[in-house]
C-alpha atoms as a PDB file:
ATOM      1  CA  MET A   1     -20.553  -4.718 -10.505  1.00  0.00           C
ATOM      2  CA  LEU A   2     -17.875  -3.679  -8.005  1.00  0.00           C
ATOM      3  CA  LYS A   3     -15.767  -6.472  -6.532  1.00  0.00           C
ATOM      4  CA  ILE A   4     -13.191  -6.337  -3.728  1.00  0.00           C
ATOM      5  CA  LEU A   5     -10.472  -8.836  -4.610  1.00  0.00           C
ATOM      6  CA  HIS A   6      -7.056  -9.786  -3.323  1.00  0.00           C
ATOM      7  CA  GLU A   7      -4.309  -8.069  -5.271  1.00  0.00           C
ATOM      8  CA  ARG A   8      -2.518 -10.285  -7.801  1.00  0.00           C
ATOM      9  CA  PRO A   9       1.027  -9.751  -9.134  1.00  0.00           C
ATOM     10  CA  THR A  10      -0.414  -8.777 -12.519  1.00  0.00           C
ATOM     11  CA  ASP A  11      -2.325  -5.896 -10.894  1.00  0.00           C
ATOM     12  CA  ALA A  12       0.887  -3.955 -10.203  1.00  0.00           C
ATOM     13  CA  ALA A  13       0.922  -2.587 -13.755  1.00  0.00           C
ATOM     14  CA  LEU A  14      -2.434  -0.911 -13.065  1.00  0.00           C
ATOM     15  CA  ILE A  15      -1.858   0.043  -9.418  1.00  0.00           C
ATOM     16  CA  GLU A  16       1.194   2.245  -9.999  1.00  0.00           C
ATOM     17  CA  PRO A  17      -0.531   4.477 -12.606  1.00  0.00           C
ATOM     18  CA  LEU A  18      -3.495   4.852 -10.226  1.00  0.00           C
ATOM     19  CA  LEU A  19      -1.149   5.912  -7.404  1.00  0.00           C
ATOM     20  CA  ASP A  20       0.563   8.351  -9.777  1.00  0.00           C
ATOM     21  CA  LYS A  21      -2.814   9.831 -10.713  1.00  0.00           C
ATOM     22  CA  CYS A  22      -3.912  10.176  -7.069  1.00  0.00           C
ATOM     23  CA  PHE A  23      -0.657  11.225  -5.361  1.00  0.00           C
ATOM     24  CA  GLY A  24       1.957  12.052  -8.005  1.00  0.00           C
ATOM     25  CA  ALA A  25       5.685  11.362  -7.849  1.00  0.00           C
ATOM     26  CA  ALA A  26       6.041  13.452  -4.670  1.00  0.00           C
ATOM     27  CA  ARG A  27       4.671  10.490  -2.714  1.00  0.00           C
ATOM     28  CA  PHE A  28       8.082   8.811  -2.853  1.00  0.00           C
ATOM     29  CA  THR A  29       9.612  11.569  -0.720  1.00  0.00           C
ATOM     30  CA  LYS A  30       7.162  11.063   2.176  1.00  0.00           C
ATOM     31  CA  THR A  31       8.232   9.311   5.360  1.00  0.00           C
ATOM     32  CA  ALA A  32       5.520   6.649   5.022  1.00  0.00           C
ATOM     33  CA  TYR A  33       7.100   5.580   1.716  1.00  0.00           C
ATOM     34  CA  LYS A  34      10.545   5.521   3.325  1.00  0.00           C
ATOM     35  CA  ILE A  35       9.193   3.153   5.987  1.00  0.00           C
ATOM     36  CA  ARG A  36       7.881   0.817   3.282  1.00  0.00           C
ATOM     37  CA  GLU A  37      11.015   0.834   1.109  1.00  0.00           C
ATOM     38  CA  LYS A  38      12.639  -2.314   2.519  1.00  0.00           C
ATOM     39  CA  ILE A  39       9.601  -4.294   3.619  1.00  0.00           C
ATOM     40  CA  SER A  40       6.838  -6.185   1.845  1.00  0.00           C
ATOM     41  CA  PRO A  41       3.092  -5.728   2.266  1.00  0.00           C
ATOM     42  CA  PHE A  42       0.902  -8.455   3.687  1.00  0.00           C
ATOM     43  CA  LYS A  43      -0.449 -10.340   0.667  1.00  0.00           C
ATOM     44  CA  GLU A  44      -3.580 -11.298   2.570  1.00  0.00           C
ATOM     45  CA  LEU A  45      -4.238  -7.603   3.286  1.00  0.00           C
ATOM     46  CA  SER A  46      -3.531  -6.236  -0.196  1.00  0.00           C
ATOM     47  CA  PHE A  47      -6.825  -5.600  -1.978  1.00  0.00           C
ATOM     48  CA  ILE A  48      -8.117  -3.996  -5.148  1.00  0.00           C
ATOM     49  CA  VAL A  49     -11.574  -2.963  -6.315  1.00  0.00           C
ATOM     50  CA  ARG A  50     -12.542  -3.909  -9.848  1.00  0.00           C
ATOM     51  CA  GLU A  51     -15.512  -3.152 -12.032  1.00  0.00           C
ATOM     52  CA  GLU A  52     -15.383  -5.544 -14.961  1.00  0.00           C
ATOM     53  CA  THR A  53     -11.779  -5.107 -16.204  1.00  0.00           C
ATOM     54  CA  GLU A  54     -11.220  -1.633 -14.708  1.00  0.00           C
ATOM     55  CA  LEU A  55      -9.171  -1.286 -11.519  1.00  0.00           C
ATOM     56  CA  LEU A  56     -10.834   1.418  -9.417  1.00  0.00           C
ATOM     57  CA  ALA A  57      -9.054   1.258  -6.049  1.00  0.00           C
ATOM     58  CA  THR A  58      -6.158  -0.265  -4.122  1.00  0.00           C
ATOM     59  CA  ILE A  59      -5.158  -0.680  -0.484  1.00  0.00           C
ATOM     60  CA  ARG A  60      -2.170  -2.302   1.206  1.00  0.00           C
ATOM     61  CA  TYR A  61      -1.024  -2.960   4.778  1.00  0.00           C
ATOM     62  CA  TRP A  62       2.586  -3.301   5.923  1.00  0.00           C
ATOM     63  CA  PRO A  63       4.202  -4.829   9.018  1.00  0.00           C
ATOM     64  CA  LEU A  64       5.408  -2.450  11.730  1.00  0.00           C
ATOM     65  CA  VAL A  65       6.967  -2.634  15.157  1.00  0.00           C
ATOM     66  CA  VAL A  66       6.105  -0.014  17.770  1.00  0.00           C
ATOM     67  CA  GLY A  67       8.707   0.527  20.474  1.00  0.00           C
ATOM     68  CA  LYS A  68      10.651  -2.668  21.030  1.00  0.00           C
ATOM     69  CA  ASP A  69       8.276  -5.462  20.121  1.00  0.00           C
ATOM     70  CA  THR A  70       4.640  -4.459  19.647  1.00  0.00           C
ATOM     71  CA  GLN A  71       3.422  -5.556  16.230  1.00  0.00           C
ATOM     72  CA  ALA A  72       1.210  -3.233  14.209  1.00  0.00           C
ATOM     73  CA  LEU A  73       0.082  -2.524  10.654  1.00  0.00           C
ATOM     74  CA  LEU A  74       0.767   0.505   8.480  1.00  0.00           C
ATOM     75  CA  LEU A  75      -2.270   1.218   6.289  1.00  0.00           C
ATOM     76  CA  GLY A  76      -1.557   2.758   2.934  1.00  0.00           C
ATOM     77  CA  PRO A  77      -1.524   3.793   0.352  1.00  0.00           C
ATOM     78  CA  ILE A  78      -5.223   3.653  -0.388  1.00  0.00           C
ATOM     79  CA  ALA A  79      -6.194   5.162  -3.724  1.00  0.00           C
ATOM     80  CA  VAL A  80      -9.494   5.457  -5.574  1.00  0.00           C
ATOM     81  CA  GLU A  81      -9.872   6.428  -9.227  1.00  0.00           C
ATOM     82  CA  PRO A  82     -10.478  10.206  -9.025  1.00  0.00           C
ATOM     83  CA  SER A  83     -13.553  10.091 -11.258  1.00  0.00           C
ATOM     84  CA  ARG A  84     -15.138   7.564  -8.851  1.00  0.00           C
ATOM     85  CA  GLN A  85     -14.303   9.249  -5.560  1.00  0.00           C
ATOM     86  CA  GLY A  86     -17.238  10.147  -3.330  1.00  0.00           C
ATOM     87  CA  GLN A  87     -19.039   6.872  -4.119  1.00  0.00           C
ATOM     88  CA  LYS A  88     -18.039   5.081  -0.864  1.00  0.00           C
ATOM     89  CA  ILE A  89     -15.598   2.816  -2.712  1.00  0.00           C
ATOM     90  CA  GLY A  90     -12.765   3.770  -0.363  1.00  0.00           C
ATOM     91  CA  VAL A  91     -14.971   3.546   2.731  1.00  0.00           C
ATOM     92  CA  ASN A  92     -16.082   0.018   1.829  1.00  0.00           C
ATOM     93  CA  LEU A  93     -12.531  -1.028   1.008  1.00  0.00           C
ATOM     94  CA  ILE A  94     -11.199   0.264   4.338  1.00  0.00           C
ATOM     95  CA  ARG A  95     -14.028  -1.319   6.349  1.00  0.00           C
ATOM     96  CA  THR A  96     -13.605  -4.666   4.582  1.00  0.00           C
ATOM     97  CA  SER A  97      -9.820  -4.746   4.897  1.00  0.00           C
ATOM     98  CA  LEU A  98      -9.880  -3.719   8.574  1.00  0.00           C
ATOM     99  CA  ALA A  99     -12.372  -6.523   9.256  1.00  0.00           C
ATOM    100  CA  VAL A 100     -10.046  -9.026   7.551  1.00  0.00           C
ATOM    101  CA  ALA A 101      -7.057  -7.681   9.521  1.00  0.00           C
ATOM    102  CA  GLN A 102      -9.000  -8.106  12.751  1.00  0.00           C
ATOM    103  CA  GLU A 103     -10.050 -11.633  11.794  1.00  0.00           C
ATOM    104  CA  LEU A 104      -6.397 -12.488  11.120  1.00  0.00           C
ATOM    105  CA  GLY A 105      -5.481 -11.403  14.648  1.00  0.00           C
ATOM    106  CA  HIS A 106      -3.946  -7.990  14.050  1.00  0.00           C
ATOM    107  CA  GLN A 107      -4.566  -5.515  16.846  1.00  0.00           C
ATOM    108  CA  ILE A 108      -3.151  -2.081  15.922  1.00  0.00           C
ATOM    109  CA  VAL A 109      -3.276  -0.070  12.686  1.00  0.00           C
ATOM    110  CA  ILE A 110      -1.303   3.123  12.028  1.00  0.00           C
ATOM    111  CA  LEU A 111      -1.563   5.547   9.118  1.00  0.00           C
ATOM    112  CA  VAL A 112      -0.942   9.092   7.961  1.00  0.00           C
ATOM    113  CA  GLY A 113      -4.124  10.745   6.758  1.00  0.00           C
ATOM    114  CA  ASP A 114      -7.018  13.120   7.271  1.00  0.00           C
ATOM    115  CA  PRO A 115      -8.279  12.735  10.865  1.00  0.00           C
ATOM    116  CA  ASP A 116     -11.792  13.862   9.913  1.00  0.00           C
ATOM    117  CA  TYR A 117     -12.066  11.094   7.314  1.00  0.00           C
ATOM    118  CA  TYR A 118     -10.337   8.304   9.236  1.00  0.00           C
ATOM    119  CA  GLY A 119     -12.110   9.102  12.490  1.00  0.00           C
ATOM    120  CA  GLN A 120     -15.132   7.167  11.193  1.00  0.00           C
ATOM    121  CA  PHE A 121     -13.024   3.998  11.331  1.00  0.00           C
ATOM    122  CA  GLY A 122     -11.849   4.581  14.912  1.00  0.00           C
ATOM    123  CA  PHE A 123      -8.536   6.328  14.216  1.00  0.00           C
ATOM    124  CA  VAL A 124      -7.263   8.841  16.768  1.00  0.00           C
ATOM    125  CA  ASN A 125      -4.121  10.954  17.156  1.00  0.00           C
ATOM    126  CA  ALA A 126      -1.176   8.560  17.552  1.00  0.00           C
ATOM    127  CA  GLY A 127       1.232  11.161  18.941  1.00  0.00           C
ATOM    128  CA  GLU A 128      -1.095  11.858  21.842  1.00  0.00           C
ATOM    129  CA  LEU A 129      -0.947   8.145  22.661  1.00  0.00           C
ATOM    130  CA  GLY A 130       2.860   8.258  22.893  1.00  0.00           C
ATOM    131  CA  LEU A 131       3.699   6.879  19.458  1.00  0.00           C
ATOM    132  CA  GLU A 132       6.504   8.497  17.462  1.00  0.00           C
ATOM    133  CA  PHE A 133       6.808   8.778  13.682  1.00  0.00           C
ATOM    134  CA  PRO A 134      10.337   8.258  12.286  1.00  0.00           C
ATOM    135  CA  GLY A 135      10.398  11.387  10.147  1.00  0.00           C
ATOM    136  CA  PRO A 136       8.532  14.547   9.195  1.00  0.00           C
ATOM    137  CA  VAL A 137       4.754  14.299   9.539  1.00  0.00           C
ATOM    138  CA  GLU A 138       1.974  16.748  10.284  1.00  0.00           C
ATOM    139  CA  PRO A 139       1.169  15.767  13.894  1.00  0.00           C
ATOM    140  CA  HIS A 140      -2.618  15.840  13.418  1.00  0.00           C
ATOM    141  CA  ARG A 141      -2.321  13.396  10.472  1.00  0.00           C
ATOM    142  CA  PHE A 142      -0.403  10.698  12.420  1.00  0.00           C
ATOM    143  CA  LEU A 143      -3.196   8.305  13.437  1.00  0.00           C
ATOM    144  CA  ALA A 144      -3.710   4.944  15.120  1.00  0.00           C
ATOM    145  CA  ALA A 145      -6.637   2.612  15.761  1.00  0.00           C
ATOM    146  CA  GLU A 146      -7.246  -0.446  17.915  1.00  0.00           C
ATOM    147  CA  LEU A 147      -8.719  -3.511  16.240  1.00  0.00           C
ATOM    148  CA  VAL A 148      -8.864  -5.103  19.676  1.00  0.00           C
ATOM    149  CA  ALA A 149     -10.017  -2.915  22.557  1.00  0.00           C
ATOM    150  CA  GLY A 150      -7.142  -1.970  24.862  1.00  0.00           C
ATOM    151  CA  SER A 151      -4.379  -3.055  22.477  1.00  0.00           C
ATOM    152  CA  LEU A 152      -2.771   0.413  22.536  1.00  0.00           C
ATOM    153  CA  VAL A 153      -2.773   0.671  26.332  1.00  0.00           C
ATOM    154  CA  GLY A 154       0.822   0.991  27.496  1.00  0.00           C
ATOM    155  CA  VAL A 155       2.175   0.992  23.933  1.00  0.00           C
ATOM    156  CA  ASP A 156       4.516   3.834  23.042  1.00  0.00           C
ATOM    157  CA  GLY A 157       7.728   4.579  21.196  1.00  0.00           C
ATOM    158  CA  LEU A 158       9.019   4.846  17.651  1.00  0.00           C
ATOM    159  CA  ILE A 159       7.329   2.989  14.801  1.00  0.00           C
ATOM    160  CA  GLU A 160       9.452   1.271  12.165  1.00  0.00           C
ATOM    161  CA  GLY A 161       9.060  -1.219   9.368  1.00  0.00           C
ATOM    162  CA  ALA A 162       9.383  -4.873  10.297  1.00  0.00           C
ATOM    163  CA  SER A 163       9.912  -8.186   8.578  1.00  0.00           C
ATOM    164  CA  LEU A 164       6.730 -10.081   7.885  1.00  0.00           C
ATOM    165  CA  PRO A 165       5.859 -12.220  10.916  1.00  0.00           C
ATOM    166  CA  ILE A 166       4.646 -15.755  10.275  1.00  0.00           C
ATOM    167  CA  VAL A 167       1.441 -14.948  12.149  1.00  0.00           C
ATOM    168  CA  PRO A 168       0.507 -11.835  14.076  1.00  0.00           C
ATOM    169  CA  ALA A 169       0.487 -11.917  17.862  1.00  0.00           C
ATOM    170  CA  GLY A 170      -2.814 -13.240  19.156  1.00  0.00           C
ATOM    171  CA  HIS A 171      -3.707 -14.796  15.790  1.00  0.00           C
ATOM    172  CA  LEU A 172      -6.707 -17.094  15.927  1.00  0.00           C
ATOM    173  CA  ALA A 173      -6.902 -19.561  13.091  1.00  0.00           C
ATOM    174  CA  SER A 174      -9.952 -19.308  10.869  1.00  0.00           C
ATOM    175  CA  LYS A 175     -12.072 -22.380  10.157  1.00  0.00           C
ATOM    176  CA  LYS A 176     -10.426 -22.712   6.739  1.00  0.00           C
ATOM    177  CA  GLU A 177      -6.902 -22.457   8.218  1.00  0.00           C
ATOM    178  CA  THR A 178      -7.778 -25.084  10.837  1.00  0.00           C
ATOM    179  CA  GLU A 179      -9.147 -27.465   8.199  1.00  0.00           C
ATOM    180  CA  GLU A 180      -6.034 -27.000   6.042  1.00  0.00           C
ATOM    181  CA  LEU A 181      -3.761 -27.622   9.031  1.00  0.00           C
ATOM    182  CA  LEU A 182      -5.664 -30.790   9.971  1.00  0.00           C
ATOM    183  CA  GLN A 183      -5.383 -32.039   6.389  1.00  0.00           C
ATOM    184  CA  ARG A 184      -1.621 -31.507   6.437  1.00  0.00           C
ATOM    185  CA  LEU A 185      -1.270 -33.189   9.825  1.00  0.00           C
ATOM    186  CA  SER A 186      -3.258 -36.221   8.693  1.00  0.00           C
ATOM    187  CA  THR A 187      -0.554 -37.016   6.128  1.00  0.00           C
ATOM    188  CA  PHE A 188       1.959 -37.682   8.914  1.00  0.00           C
ATOM    189  CA  ALA A 189       2.229 -41.147  10.405  1.00  0.00           C
ATOM    190  CA  PRO A 190       1.148 -41.363  14.065  1.00  0.00           C
ATOM    191  CA  PRO A 191       3.993 -41.473  16.577  1.00  0.00           C
ATOM    192  CA  ALA A 192       5.482 -44.858  17.271  1.00  0.00           C
ATOM    193  CA  ASP A 193       4.463 -46.583  20.491  1.00  0.00           C
ATOM    194  CA  THR A 194       7.888 -46.494  22.132  1.00  0.00           C
ATOM    195  CA  GLU A 195       6.759 -48.432  25.205  1.00  0.00           C
ATOM    196  CA  LYS A 196       5.992 -51.518  23.079  1.00  0.00           C
ATOM    197  CA  ALA A 197       9.091 -51.170  20.934  1.00  0.00           C
END
């Protein structure tokens, strides 16, 4: 049975060979890899697909800034075991991870990929929106999508890697996050009544 799971540190030993198989060593020369060199992916948006003990797919998202201060995500790489491609594994992984990103409050996703494939997820040409890629890229493969309607309105400029923010702009806490926060707050003593002191 296929399971979408959060990536664990021990998965790295299986992810890199899968990326090698899907993209080869030439991937390290691409601008998208250069953007990711000095930043870390969002742990909560790093997923794998497993079937029993076999790792079949991987996806990661990275923090970006567009222009001066608009936060965004860089999707990629996404890789699916070549012998299992065409079975909707990648489609389900992208849909699931985009839904999680939206739930976490992220608003914009950027990637480099096939516009015919990524169009089904709402991606459109990023250059035509006024976004700029910081290196060589085939213009038709530079794509962006809104997770919140209107979030790309008025956004333009160069994209670059960013440090991980504590929470994305517009983040709404999930029920679980709220419960955890309330549990932590309940361990603090109430404020002293200074008027009676």
